[in-house]
């Protein structure tokens, strides 16, 4: 499924990047440009990111606050 229409980023792209070791949403944005243009996909992209990280046991806890994602210690 396409998550970000502006940059044609799919849920598969997000899963692939997480599989390559990315565990930080901002780094995901830097690499894929997801949710970096109009922002309409931000919630969906974050949800997919969180689910993929949880499924892979990324080992970090990601905290959402006012549309921002920060990484906190487990």
C-alpha atoms as a PDB file:
ATOM      1  CA  UNK A   1       0.000   0.000   0.000  1.00  0.00           C
ATOM      2  CA  UNK A   2       1.261   3.490  -0.790  1.00  0.00           C
ATOM      3  CA  UNK A   3       1.614   5.458   2.460  1.00  0.00           C
ATOM      4  CA  UNK A   4       3.125   8.682   1.130  1.00  0.00           C
ATOM      5  CA  UNK A   5       1.683   9.840  -2.180  1.00  0.00           C
ATOM      6  CA  UNK A   6       4.085  12.777  -2.459  1.00  0.00           C
ATOM      7  CA  UNK A   7       7.180  10.556  -2.467  1.00  0.00           C
ATOM      8  CA  UNK A   8       5.603   7.186  -3.374  1.00  0.00           C
ATOM      9  CA  UNK A   9       6.687   5.460  -0.170  1.00  0.00           C
ATOM     10  CA  UNK A  10       4.918   2.191   0.534  1.00  0.00           C
ATOM     11  CA  UNK A  11       4.456   0.152   3.682  1.00  0.00           C
ATOM     12  CA  UNK A  12       6.917  -2.316   2.143  1.00  0.00           C
ATOM     13  CA  UNK A  13       9.502   0.452   1.872  1.00  0.00           C
ATOM     14  CA  UNK A  14       9.058   1.249   5.561  1.00  0.00           C
ATOM     15  CA  UNK A  15       9.386  -2.434   6.510  1.00  0.00           C
ATOM     16  CA  UNK A  16      12.482  -2.792   4.311  1.00  0.00           C
ATOM     17  CA  UNK A  17      14.254   0.175   5.899  1.00  0.00           C
ATOM     18  CA  UNK A  18      13.444  -1.088   9.401  1.00  0.00           C
ATOM     19  CA  UNK A  19      14.778  -4.491   8.353  1.00  0.00           C
ATOM     20  CA  UNK A  20      18.023  -2.749   7.440  1.00  0.00           C
ATOM     21  CA  UNK A  21      18.340  -1.556  11.041  1.00  0.00           C
ATOM     22  CA  UNK A  22      16.580   1.819  11.208  1.00  0.00           C
ATOM     23  CA  UNK A  23      14.825   2.217  14.571  1.00  0.00           C
ATOM     24  CA  UNK A  24      14.266   5.982  14.562  1.00  0.00           C
ATOM     25  CA  UNK A  25      11.354   7.636  12.746  1.00  0.00           C
ATOM     26  CA  UNK A  26      13.335  10.756  11.853  1.00  0.00           C
ATOM     27  CA  UNK A  27      16.012   8.632  10.196  1.00  0.00           C
ATOM     28  CA  UNK A  28      13.278   6.769   8.322  1.00  0.00           C
ATOM     29  CA  UNK A  29      12.050  10.156   7.080  1.00  0.00           C
ATOM     30  CA  UNK A  30      15.567  11.161   6.019  1.00  0.00           C
ATOM     31  CA  UNK A  31      16.030   7.946   4.050  1.00  0.00           C
ATOM     32  CA  UNK A  32      12.590   7.665   2.434  1.00  0.00           C
ATOM     33  CA  UNK A  33      11.221  11.238   2.662  1.00  0.00           C
ATOM     34  CA  UNK A  34       7.960   9.796   4.029  1.00  0.00           C
ATOM     35  CA  UNK A  35       5.776  12.452   5.703  1.00  0.00           C
ATOM     36  CA  UNK A  36       8.210  15.205   4.764  1.00  0.00           C
ATOM     37  CA  UNK A  37       6.130  17.146   2.255  1.00  0.00           C
ATOM     38  CA  UNK A  38       2.432  17.743   2.920  1.00  0.00           C
ATOM     39  CA  UNK A  39       2.299  15.684   6.130  1.00  0.00           C
ATOM     40  CA  UNK A  40      -1.027  13.987   5.400  1.00  0.00           C
ATOM     41  CA  UNK A  41       0.574  10.563   5.781  1.00  0.00           C
ATOM     42  CA  UNK A  42       2.347  11.252   9.078  1.00  0.00           C
ATOM     43  CA  UNK A  43      -0.080   9.343  11.323  1.00  0.00           C
ATOM     44  CA  UNK A  44      -0.244   6.359   8.989  1.00  0.00           C
ATOM     45  CA  UNK A  45       3.538   6.291   8.505  1.00  0.00           C
ATOM     46  CA  UNK A  46       4.142   6.451  12.253  1.00  0.00           C
ATOM     47  CA  UNK A  47       1.622   3.678  12.883  1.00  0.00           C
ATOM     48  CA  UNK A  48       3.251   1.397  10.310  1.00  0.00           C
ATOM     49  CA  UNK A  49       6.681   2.268  11.682  1.00  0.00           C
ATOM     50  CA  UNK A  50       5.621   1.451  15.264  1.00  0.00           C
ATOM     51  CA  UNK A  51       3.981  -1.836  14.259  1.00  0.00           C
ATOM     52  CA  UNK A  52       6.998  -2.897  12.205  1.00  0.00           C
ATOM     53  CA  UNK A  53       9.397  -2.014  15.011  1.00  0.00           C
ATOM     54  CA  UNK A  54       7.298  -3.915  17.543  1.00  0.00           C
ATOM     55  CA  UNK A  55       7.135  -6.951  15.257  1.00  0.00           C
ATOM     56  CA  UNK A  56      10.909  -6.925  14.834  1.00  0.00           C
ATOM     57  CA  UNK A  57      11.637  -6.204  18.499  1.00  0.00           C
ATOM     58  CA  UNK A  58      13.645  -3.091  17.728  1.00  0.00           C
ATOM     59  CA  UNK A  59      14.538  -2.694  21.394  1.00  0.00           C
ATOM     60  CA  UNK A  60      13.649   0.976  21.628  1.00  0.00           C
ATOM     61  CA  UNK A  61      10.484   2.682  22.733  1.00  0.00           C
ATOM     62  CA  UNK A  62       9.192   5.383  20.410  1.00  0.00           C
ATOM     63  CA  UNK A  63       7.138   8.141  22.027  1.00  0.00           C
ATOM     64  CA  UNK A  64       4.741  10.342  20.053  1.00  0.00           C
ATOM     65  CA  UNK A  65       4.024  13.874  21.226  1.00  0.00           C
ATOM     66  CA  UNK A  66       2.317  16.565  19.172  1.00  0.00           C
ATOM     67  CA  UNK A  67       3.138  14.837  15.891  1.00  0.00           C
ATOM     68  CA  UNK A  68       6.810  14.357  16.778  1.00  0.00           C
ATOM     69  CA  UNK A  69       8.560  11.106  17.493  1.00  0.00           C
ATOM     70  CA  UNK A  70      11.304  10.835  20.053  1.00  0.00           C
ATOM     71  CA  UNK A  71      13.244   7.805  21.145  1.00  0.00           C
ATOM     72  CA  UNK A  72      13.278   6.975  24.819  1.00  0.00           C
ATOM     73  CA  UNK A  73      15.170   4.363  26.771  1.00  0.00           C
ATOM     74  CA  UNK A  74      13.246   1.087  27.290  1.00  0.00           C
END
